[in-house]
Amino acid sequence: MKRLFRTLFNTTLLSAALCLSAPAAQFFVHDGDRVVFLGDSITEQRLYTTYIEAYALTRHPEWKLTFRNVGWGGDTAWLRQRAHPEEDKLFAAAPDAQRQMVEDAVKRGLERDVLPLKPTAVTIKFGMNDHSYQPFRPDIFGAYIRSQTELAKVLKANGARLAFLTPQPIEEKRSDPDQDVKNQSLRKFSDGLKEVAAKTDSIFADQFDPYMAILLRERKQNPPGMIGGGDAVHPGPIGQTVMAWAVLKELGATSLVSRAEINATTGKGIAAEQCKIEDIKGGKDTLSFVRTDSALPMPIDSRAEASLKLAPILDDLNRYELKVSGLAPGNYKLTIDGETAAATTSQELENGWNLATTAGPITKQVNEVLALVFDKNNVFFNRWRNVQLYNFPPWAKTPEAEKLRTAELAKLDQQIADLEAQINATRTPKPHRFELKRVEQ
């Protein structure tokens, strides 16, 4: 597990009492939301979407939230994989004819895959397939802009808030990814999407520029390679964690999980934000206390720890802080509920210590949440794509076959409900006994 991320933080004198959950008025996700992720194969991977979902669930454990992923490999803003419009005709069509084609495709695609889920919030991530992996083409761009605008029109008419996500750059093994004509095209598509978001009163989340900045920085320091894992178009957990970081910031996600400040000399809590500190014992060499948080740290996929070196993910999204003054100088061992969590120093504790990825029962708890979310999303994908949309061949399309489908859907729906119940139980914060003990070097 990644060791010890430091962060300086200013403290305000507050009573050591349980505080309200993180300010959430500006966050795209609201209590009671049914969130749908719409997109192409990068969304279908169920990585950046699962990380965003896990952030919302752990940061707001008291909220009632539902998330569904309807990403489809190869899809586009005109819902190519769902409505199958004739693309050559679409790109070449006169404005009125193109509008009619887009309206028909979007209507049919959304009515089948999105609107039955009754979303209150939708993220839309298209552009990678839309630009057709070639230099910028105005005819395709025009269809893209018209289609994104139509998606907003229909979804908003059905009561959903929208966030448009840009694609991330293509990560070819070259030293100048910004000079790749495909990425230059994607940049123009992303700029156009920003205008769509403004005109439709939707959120615009740019992950292209932050990801490209990281690519350019890394290319200067290291030989060209795949920093995000996966392939040039489909980042693995590392790259998709960076994507989730960029998107969450644009969606108004807050950084603070909770923070506590204790004076070891007086044995008193000085400050507590979004947590409660009780039963403080000990002194300068050994200090213990019970900490009850209002939220949990965002889980970091164990496959994506390298992402923490690429972007300030912990500082921007995952500050789970402890500050202790008055300790005797030296090295300290931290245990949580009797489990060894980390080694630190009195100076680190004096400055303020971010424990978001520290080992122990809290990290185990959030990792369990993440695993359950992955399980739930995989079951829903199977339900939607392999059962709900399965087409029986003509010779097998019988009432008996449809009864089998109905029974299987009911079984999978129950599995999803059971997993969501487990997620909700698992994401509830618990009190933990922290102990800091000075040790010989």
Protein backbone atom coordinates (compact mmCIF):
# COMPACT_ATOMS: atom_id res chain seq x y z
CA MET A 1 0.00 0.00 0.00
CA LYS A 2 1.23 3.43 -0.83
CA ARG A 3 3.02 4.93 2.16
CA LEU A 4 2.31 8.23 3.82
CA PHE A 5 1.17 11.19 1.78
CA ARG A 6 1.80 14.46 3.53
CA THR A 7 -0.40 17.47 3.40
CA LEU A 8 -0.29 20.80 5.20
CA PHE A 9 -3.66 22.06 6.30
CA ASN A 10 -4.89 25.07 8.21
CA THR A 11 -7.06 24.38 11.19
CA THR A 12 -10.02 26.23 12.63
CA LEU A 13 -10.83 25.86 16.32
CA LEU A 14 -13.89 23.64 16.37
CA SER A 15 -15.40 21.51 19.08
CA ALA A 16 -14.52 17.83 18.83
CA ALA A 17 -17.99 16.83 17.74
CA LEU A 18 -19.43 14.95 14.82
CA CYS A 19 -19.80 17.40 11.98
CA LEU A 20 -21.99 17.49 8.91
CA SER A 21 -20.95 15.59 5.81
CA ALA A 22 -18.80 17.29 3.18
CA PRO A 23 -20.28 20.34 1.48
CA ALA A 24 -22.08 18.87 -1.50
CA ALA A 25 -24.20 21.64 -2.98
CA GLN A 26 -21.92 21.94 -6.01
CA PHE A 27 -21.37 18.21 -6.60
CA PHE A 28 -23.01 16.88 -9.76
CA VAL A 29 -24.38 13.85 -7.91
CA HIS A 30 -27.19 14.58 -5.43
CA ASP A 31 -28.88 12.57 -2.72
CA GLY A 32 -31.57 10.38 -4.27
CA ASP A 33 -30.01 10.35 -7.73
CA ARG A 34 -30.24 7.61 -10.31
CA VAL A 35 -27.04 8.15 -12.28
CA VAL A 36 -26.49 6.67 -15.73
CA PHE A 37 -23.12 6.54 -17.49
CA LEU A 38 -23.61 6.69 -21.28
CA GLY A 39 -20.69 6.19 -23.62
CA ASP A 40 -18.57 3.90 -25.77
CA SER A 41 -16.14 1.05 -25.01
CA ILE A 42 -14.13 3.22 -22.61
CA THR A 43 -17.28 3.58 -20.53
CA GLU A 44 -18.17 -0.08 -21.07
CA GLN A 45 -14.83 -1.00 -19.41
CA ARG A 46 -16.49 -0.09 -16.12
CA LEU A 47 -13.36 1.47 -14.66
CA TYR A 48 -13.53 5.28 -14.50
CA THR A 49 -17.28 4.97 -13.95
CA THR A 50 -16.80 2.57 -11.04
CA TYR A 51 -14.20 4.86 -9.47
CA ILE A 52 -16.57 7.85 -9.74
CA GLU A 53 -19.38 5.75 -8.27
CA ALA A 54 -17.16 4.56 -5.41
CA TYR A 55 -16.16 8.15 -4.63
CA ALA A 56 -19.80 9.25 -4.37
CA LEU A 57 -20.79 6.24 -2.27
CA THR A 58 -17.95 6.57 0.25
CA ARG A 59 -17.98 10.37 0.46
CA HIS A 60 -21.73 10.48 1.06
CA PRO A 61 -22.57 7.20 2.82
CA GLU A 62 -25.96 8.46 4.02
CA TRP A 63 -27.19 9.24 0.52
CA LYS A 64 -29.51 6.96 -1.42
CA LEU A 65 -27.82 6.50 -4.80
CA THR A 66 -28.20 4.23 -7.81
CA PHE A 67 -25.68 3.93 -10.65
CA ARG A 68 -26.03 2.17 -14.00
CA ASN A 69 -23.49 1.90 -16.81
CA VAL A 70 -24.79 1.60 -20.39
CA GLY A 71 -21.52 2.08 -22.25
CA TRP A 72 -21.29 0.22 -25.56
CA GLY A 73 -18.09 -0.51 -27.46
CA GLY A 74 -17.90 1.31 -30.79
CA ASP A 75 -20.74 3.69 -29.97
CA THR A 76 -20.99 7.34 -30.96
CA ALA A 77 -23.05 10.40 -30.10
CA TRP A 78 -25.54 9.42 -32.82
CA LEU A 79 -25.86 6.05 -31.01
CA ARG A 80 -24.39 4.00 -33.81
CA GLN A 81 -24.50 0.73 -31.89
CA ARG A 82 -28.09 1.16 -30.72
CA ALA A 83 -29.90 2.74 -33.67
CA HIS A 84 -27.58 1.95 -36.62
CA PRO A 85 -28.08 5.04 -38.81
CA GLU A 86 -26.44 5.01 -42.24
CA GLU A 87 -23.38 7.09 -41.43
CA ASP A 88 -22.31 8.05 -44.94
CA LYS A 89 -25.76 9.49 -45.51
CA LEU A 90 -25.76 11.08 -42.06
CA PHE A 91 -22.50 12.96 -42.65
CA ALA A 92 -23.49 14.09 -46.15
CA ALA A 93 -27.09 15.02 -45.36
CA ALA A 94 -28.48 18.54 -45.66
CA PRO A 95 -29.28 20.16 -42.29
CA ASP A 96 -32.98 19.23 -42.19
CA ALA A 97 -32.39 15.66 -43.29
CA GLN A 98 -29.51 15.26 -40.86
CA ARG A 99 -31.62 16.62 -38.03
CA GLN A 100 -34.33 14.06 -38.76
CA MET A 101 -31.79 11.21 -38.88
CA VAL A 102 -30.20 12.30 -35.59
CA GLU A 103 -33.56 12.74 -33.86
CA ASP A 104 -34.64 9.27 -34.93
CA ALA A 105 -31.38 7.58 -33.87
CA VAL A 106 -31.17 9.35 -30.52
CA LYS A 107 -34.84 8.72 -29.74
CA ARG A 108 -34.62 4.99 -30.45
CA GLY A 109 -31.32 4.53 -28.61
CA LEU A 110 -32.31 6.43 -25.48
CA GLU A 111 -35.78 4.93 -25.31
CA ARG A 112 -34.31 1.45 -25.24
CA ASP A 113 -31.18 1.80 -23.08
CA VAL A 114 -31.42 4.94 -20.94
CA LEU A 115 -34.90 6.34 -20.35
CA PRO A 116 -36.31 3.11 -18.82
CA LEU A 117 -33.73 3.58 -16.03
CA LYS A 118 -35.43 6.90 -15.14
CA PRO A 119 -32.13 8.77 -14.69
CA THR A 120 -31.91 12.00 -12.74
CA ALA A 121 -28.29 12.54 -13.80
CA VAL A 122 -26.42 11.32 -16.88
CA THR A 123 -22.78 11.56 -17.90
CA ILE A 124 -22.14 11.33 -21.65
CA LYS A 125 -18.71 10.36 -22.96
CA PHE A 126 -18.44 10.16 -26.74
CA GLY A 127 -15.89 11.38 -29.24
CA MET A 128 -13.33 8.61 -29.56
CA ASN A 129 -15.19 6.69 -32.25
CA ASP A 130 -16.97 9.78 -33.53
CA HIS A 131 -13.79 11.36 -34.90
CA SER A 132 -13.15 8.13 -36.84
CA TYR A 133 -9.45 7.96 -35.89
CA GLN A 134 -8.40 10.35 -38.64
CA PRO A 135 -7.61 14.02 -39.17
CA PHE A 136 -10.43 16.42 -38.37
CA ARG A 137 -13.44 16.15 -40.69
CA PRO A 138 -15.97 18.97 -40.50
CA ASP A 139 -18.77 16.76 -41.83
CA ILE A 140 -18.38 14.23 -39.01
CA PHE A 141 -17.91 17.04 -36.49
CA GLY A 142 -21.21 18.58 -37.57
CA ALA A 143 -23.05 15.30 -36.99
CA TYR A 144 -21.31 14.96 -33.62
CA ILE A 145 -22.38 18.41 -32.43
CA ARG A 146 -25.95 17.92 -33.66
CA SER A 147 -26.14 14.52 -31.95
CA GLN A 148 -24.75 15.71 -28.61
CA THR A 149 -27.22 18.58 -28.68
CA GLU A 150 -30.07 16.18 -29.37
CA LEU A 151 -28.96 13.90 -26.52
CA ALA A 152 -29.15 16.89 -24.19
CA LYS A 153 -32.56 17.91 -25.51
CA VAL A 154 -34.14 14.49 -24.97
CA LEU A 155 -32.52 13.72 -21.63
CA LYS A 156 -33.32 17.13 -20.16
CA ALA A 157 -36.91 16.82 -21.37
CA ASN A 158 -37.05 13.64 -19.32
CA GLY A 159 -35.78 15.31 -16.15
CA ALA A 160 -32.07 14.46 -16.17
CA ARG A 161 -29.14 16.74 -15.38
CA LEU A 162 -26.23 16.29 -17.77
CA ALA A 163 -22.45 16.26 -17.69
CA PHE A 164 -20.62 16.02 -21.01
CA LEU A 165 -17.22 14.33 -20.69
CA THR A 166 -14.56 14.78 -23.33
CA PRO A 167 -12.58 11.77 -24.53
CA GLN A 168 -9.09 11.34 -23.17
CA PRO A 169 -6.18 11.57 -25.65
CA ILE A 170 -5.03 8.61 -27.68
CA GLU A 171 -1.81 7.34 -26.12
CA GLU A 172 0.39 6.21 -28.98
CA LYS A 173 4.01 5.41 -28.14
CA ARG A 174 5.39 8.68 -29.45
CA SER A 175 7.16 11.59 -27.80
CA ASP A 176 4.74 14.22 -29.13
CA PRO A 177 1.18 12.97 -28.56
CA ASP A 178 -0.16 16.49 -28.97
CA GLN A 179 1.04 16.46 -32.60
CA ASP A 180 -0.86 13.29 -33.43
CA VAL A 181 -3.52 14.30 -35.99
CA LYS A 182 -6.03 12.07 -34.20
CA ASN A 183 -5.48 13.91 -30.93
CA GLN A 184 -5.69 17.25 -32.70
CA SER A 185 -9.05 16.14 -34.05
CA LEU A 186 -10.17 15.01 -30.60
CA ARG A 187 -9.18 18.41 -29.22
CA LYS A 188 -11.46 20.13 -31.75
CA PHE A 189 -14.29 17.74 -30.92
CA SER A 190 -13.78 18.52 -27.23
CA ASP A 191 -13.84 22.27 -27.90
CA GLY A 192 -17.09 21.85 -29.77
CA LEU A 193 -18.52 19.82 -26.91
CA LYS A 194 -17.75 22.67 -24.53
CA GLU A 195 -19.98 24.92 -26.61
CA VAL A 196 -22.76 22.31 -26.59
CA ALA A 197 -22.54 22.10 -22.80
CA ALA A 198 -22.78 25.87 -22.47
CA LYS A 199 -25.76 26.12 -24.82
CA THR A 200 -27.64 23.28 -23.12
CA ASP A 201 -26.84 24.40 -19.56
CA SER A 202 -24.91 21.19 -18.88
CA ILE A 203 -21.66 20.53 -17.06
CA PHE A 204 -18.55 20.28 -19.22
CA ALA A 205 -15.84 17.95 -17.87
CA ASP A 206 -12.58 18.19 -19.77
CA GLN A 207 -10.32 15.21 -19.20
CA PHE A 208 -8.48 15.68 -22.50
CA ASP A 209 -6.25 18.57 -21.39
CA PRO A 210 -5.30 17.21 -17.92
CA TYR A 211 -4.49 13.80 -19.38
CA MET A 212 -2.51 15.33 -22.26
CA ALA A 213 -0.52 17.48 -19.82
CA ILE A 214 0.46 14.34 -17.91
CA LEU A 215 1.37 12.55 -21.13
CA LEU A 216 3.61 15.41 -22.27
CA ARG A 217 5.30 15.65 -18.88
CA GLU A 218 5.94 11.92 -18.73
CA ARG A 219 7.23 11.82 -22.31
CA LYS A 220 9.91 14.35 -21.36
CA GLN A 221 11.03 12.26 -18.40
CA ASN A 222 10.70 8.72 -19.74
CA PRO A 223 10.88 6.88 -23.05
CA PRO A 224 7.51 6.68 -24.79
CA GLY A 225 5.38 4.04 -23.13
CA MET A 226 1.85 3.33 -21.97
CA ILE A 227 1.54 5.33 -18.76
CA GLY A 228 -2.15 4.50 -18.43
CA GLY A 229 -1.86 0.78 -19.06
CA GLY A 230 -4.25 -0.92 -21.45
CA ASP A 231 -3.90 0.14 -25.06
CA ALA A 232 -3.73 3.44 -26.93
CA VAL A 233 -7.50 3.97 -26.79
CA HIS A 234 -8.52 1.99 -23.70
CA PRO A 235 -6.50 2.96 -20.61
CA GLY A 236 -6.21 0.41 -17.84
CA PRO A 237 -6.91 1.10 -14.16
CA ILE A 238 -4.01 3.57 -13.89
CA GLY A 239 -5.15 5.78 -16.74
CA GLN A 240 -8.81 5.46 -15.85
CA THR A 241 -8.09 6.54 -12.28
CA VAL A 242 -6.48 9.66 -13.75
CA MET A 243 -9.59 10.10 -15.90
CA ALA A 244 -11.87 9.74 -12.87
CA TRP A 245 -9.76 12.33 -11.02
CA ALA A 246 -10.09 14.84 -13.86
CA VAL A 247 -13.83 14.24 -14.23
CA LEU A 248 -14.61 14.32 -10.51
CA LYS A 249 -12.90 17.68 -10.13
CA GLU A 250 -15.02 19.08 -12.96
CA LEU A 251 -18.14 17.59 -11.35
CA GLY A 252 -17.50 19.57 -8.17
CA ALA A 253 -16.17 16.75 -6.00
CA THR A 254 -14.72 17.88 -2.67
CA SER A 255 -11.28 16.93 -1.40
CA LEU A 256 -11.83 16.56 2.34
CA VAL A 257 -12.94 13.26 3.82
CA SER A 258 -12.36 14.38 7.40
CA ARG A 259 -9.65 15.86 9.58
CA ALA A 260 -8.76 15.81 13.24
CA GLU A 261 -6.24 17.73 15.33
CA ILE A 262 -5.14 16.66 18.80
CA ASN A 263 -2.71 18.10 21.33
CA ALA A 264 -0.85 15.20 22.94
CA THR A 265 0.44 17.39 25.78
CA THR A 266 -3.01 18.38 26.99
CA GLY A 267 -4.76 15.24 25.81
CA LYS A 268 -7.46 17.32 24.16
CA GLY A 269 -8.93 17.57 20.69
CA ILE A 270 -8.28 20.92 19.08
CA ALA A 271 -10.24 20.57 15.87
CA ALA A 272 -12.49 18.07 14.18
CA GLU A 273 -14.13 18.40 10.79
CA GLN A 274 -16.52 15.76 9.53
CA CYS A 275 -15.48 13.44 12.33
CA LYS A 276 -15.76 12.93 16.08
CA ILE A 277 -12.77 12.37 18.38
CA GLU A 278 -13.40 10.73 21.76
CA ASP A 279 -11.69 8.87 24.59
CA ILE A 280 -8.27 10.47 24.17
CA LYS A 281 -5.65 8.72 26.29
CA GLY A 282 -1.89 8.82 26.77
CA GLY A 283 0.59 11.62 26.36
CA LYS A 284 3.83 12.53 24.64
CA ASP A 285 5.07 8.99 23.85
CA THR A 286 1.80 7.11 23.37
CA LEU A 287 -1.50 8.54 22.28
CA SER A 288 -4.76 6.76 21.56
CA PHE A 289 -8.25 7.93 20.68
CA VAL A 290 -11.48 6.80 19.06
CA ARG A 291 -12.27 8.43 15.72
CA THR A 292 -15.71 8.24 14.08
CA ASP A 293 -15.88 9.74 10.59
CA SER A 294 -18.84 11.05 8.61
CA ALA A 295 -17.41 9.60 5.40
CA LEU A 296 -14.84 7.13 4.15
CA PRO A 297 -11.78 7.72 1.98
CA MET A 298 -12.22 7.11 -1.73
CA PRO A 299 -10.93 3.62 -2.54
CA ILE A 300 -7.92 3.44 -4.84
CA ASP A 301 -7.88 0.35 -7.02
CA SER A 302 -4.82 -1.72 -6.05
CA ARG A 303 -4.03 -2.00 -9.77
CA ALA A 304 -3.90 1.79 -10.05
CA GLU A 305 -1.54 2.87 -7.28
CA ALA A 306 0.87 4.23 -9.90
CA SER A 307 -1.77 6.85 -10.75
CA LEU A 308 -1.00 8.58 -7.46
CA LYS A 309 2.40 9.54 -8.90
CA LEU A 310 0.85 10.94 -12.05
CA ALA A 311 -1.78 13.28 -10.62
CA PRO A 312 -2.51 14.90 -7.21
CA ILE A 313 -5.42 12.55 -6.64
CA LEU A 314 -5.10 12.36 -2.86
CA ASP A 315 -4.73 16.12 -2.43
CA ASP A 316 -7.62 16.90 -4.74
CA LEU A 317 -10.09 14.15 -3.82
CA ASN A 318 -8.97 12.15 -0.80
CA ARG A 319 -7.74 14.12 2.21
CA TYR A 320 -8.19 11.96 5.31
CA GLU A 321 -6.15 13.94 7.77
CA LEU A 322 -4.61 13.65 11.21
CA LYS A 323 -2.56 16.33 12.93
CA VAL A 324 -0.98 15.79 16.33
CA SER A 325 1.09 18.36 18.22
CA GLY A 326 3.01 17.96 21.45
CA LEU A 327 4.46 14.50 20.82
CA ALA A 328 7.97 13.70 21.89
CA PRO A 329 10.34 13.85 18.89
CA GLY A 330 10.92 10.53 17.16
CA ASN A 331 9.41 7.74 15.13
CA TYR A 332 5.90 6.42 15.71
CA LYS A 333 3.92 3.34 14.82
CA LEU A 334 0.25 3.76 14.05
CA THR A 335 -2.19 0.96 14.76
CA ILE A 336 -5.90 1.08 14.00
CA ASP A 337 -8.06 -1.35 15.99
CA GLY A 338 -4.86 -3.17 16.90
CA GLU A 339 -3.74 -3.60 13.26
CA THR A 340 -0.43 -2.10 12.24
CA ALA A 341 -1.21 0.63 9.74
CA ALA A 342 1.93 2.67 9.10
CA ALA A 343 5.12 4.19 10.45
CA THR A 344 5.44 7.94 10.77
CA THR A 345 7.32 10.63 12.65
CA SER A 346 6.39 13.31 15.13
CA GLN A 347 7.25 15.91 12.50
CA GLU A 348 4.91 14.40 9.93
CA LEU A 349 2.14 14.34 12.50
CA GLU A 350 2.89 17.92 13.48
CA ASN A 351 2.60 19.01 9.84
CA GLY A 352 -0.55 17.04 9.16
CA TRP A 353 -0.72 13.55 7.71
CA ASN A 354 -2.97 12.20 4.98
CA LEU A 355 -3.95 8.63 5.89
CA ALA A 356 -6.22 8.03 2.89
CA THR A 357 -4.25 5.02 1.63
CA THR A 358 -2.84 3.83 4.94
CA ALA A 359 -3.21 0.11 5.61
CA GLY A 360 -5.64 -1.21 8.19
CA PRO A 361 -9.37 -1.71 8.69
CA ILE A 362 -10.49 1.54 7.04
CA THR A 363 -8.68 0.78 3.80
CA LYS A 364 -9.96 -2.80 3.93
CA GLN A 365 -13.50 -1.45 4.29
CA VAL A 366 -13.31 0.89 1.30
CA ASN A 367 -11.64 -1.80 -0.81
CA GLU A 368 -14.56 -4.07 0.01
CA VAL A 369 -16.93 -1.33 -1.16
CA LEU A 370 -15.00 -1.05 -4.42
CA ALA A 371 -15.07 -4.81 -4.98
CA LEU A 372 -18.83 -4.94 -4.37
CA VAL A 373 -19.41 -2.06 -6.79
CA PHE A 374 -17.43 -3.90 -9.47
CA ASP A 375 -19.50 -7.03 -8.81
CA LYS A 376 -22.78 -5.13 -9.04
CA ASN A 377 -21.78 -3.39 -12.26
CA ASN A 378 -20.73 -6.68 -13.84
CA VAL A 379 -24.07 -8.27 -12.94
CA PHE A 380 -25.97 -5.31 -14.41
CA PHE A 381 -23.91 -5.49 -17.61
CA ASN A 382 -24.77 -9.17 -17.94
CA ARG A 383 -28.43 -8.44 -17.24
CA TRP A 384 -28.67 -5.66 -19.80
CA ARG A 385 -26.53 -6.89 -22.66
CA ASN A 386 -26.72 -10.68 -22.41
CA VAL A 387 -30.29 -11.19 -21.20
CA GLN A 388 -32.47 -8.12 -21.76
CA LEU A 389 -31.11 -7.45 -25.26
CA TYR A 390 -30.55 -11.04 -26.28
CA ASN A 391 -32.21 -11.81 -29.60
CA PHE A 392 -33.60 -15.29 -29.88
CA PRO A 393 -33.20 -16.84 -33.33
CA PRO A 394 -36.55 -17.17 -35.12
CA TRP A 395 -36.82 -20.89 -34.43
CA ALA A 396 -36.37 -20.31 -30.67
CA LYS A 397 -38.53 -17.18 -30.26
CA THR A 398 -41.43 -18.66 -28.33
CA PRO A 399 -43.52 -17.69 -25.29
CA GLU A 400 -41.59 -20.31 -23.34
CA ALA A 401 -38.31 -18.66 -24.27
CA GLU A 402 -39.59 -15.27 -23.13
CA LYS A 403 -40.64 -16.82 -19.82
CA LEU A 404 -37.05 -17.98 -19.38
CA ARG A 405 -35.83 -14.46 -20.10
CA THR A 406 -38.27 -12.98 -17.58
CA ALA A 407 -37.19 -15.45 -14.91
CA GLU A 408 -33.51 -14.76 -15.57
CA LEU A 409 -34.03 -11.00 -15.42
CA ALA A 410 -35.80 -11.38 -12.08
CA LYS A 411 -32.93 -13.46 -10.74
CA LEU A 412 -30.34 -10.92 -11.86
CA ASP A 413 -32.40 -8.03 -10.50
CA GLN A 414 -32.38 -9.73 -7.12
CA GLN A 415 -28.62 -10.20 -7.30
CA ILE A 416 -28.22 -6.51 -8.06
CA ALA A 417 -30.52 -5.55 -5.17
CA ASP A 418 -28.61 -7.83 -2.79
CA LEU A 419 -25.27 -6.36 -3.86
CA GLU A 420 -26.56 -2.82 -3.47
CA ALA A 421 -27.75 -3.67 0.03
CA GLN A 422 -24.28 -5.00 0.82
CA ILE A 423 -22.69 -1.88 -0.62
CA ASN A 424 -24.89 0.37 1.50
CA ALA A 425 -24.08 -1.59 4.65
CA THR A 426 -20.36 -1.70 3.89
CA ARG A 427 -20.00 2.02 3.13
CA THR A 428 -21.23 3.04 6.58
CA PRO A 429 -18.37 4.52 8.65
CA LYS A 430 -17.46 2.83 11.93
CA PRO A 431 -15.65 4.03 15.06
CA HIS A 432 -11.97 3.03 15.19
CA ARG A 433 -9.38 3.07 17.93
CA PHE A 434 -6.18 4.80 16.75
CA GLU A 435 -2.95 4.41 18.69
CA LEU A 436 0.35 6.19 18.10
CA LYS A 437 3.33 4.73 19.94
CA ARG A 438 6.90 6.00 19.88
CA VAL A 439 9.39 3.37 18.76
CA GLU A 440 13.16 3.15 18.65
CA GLN A 441 14.64 3.80 15.24
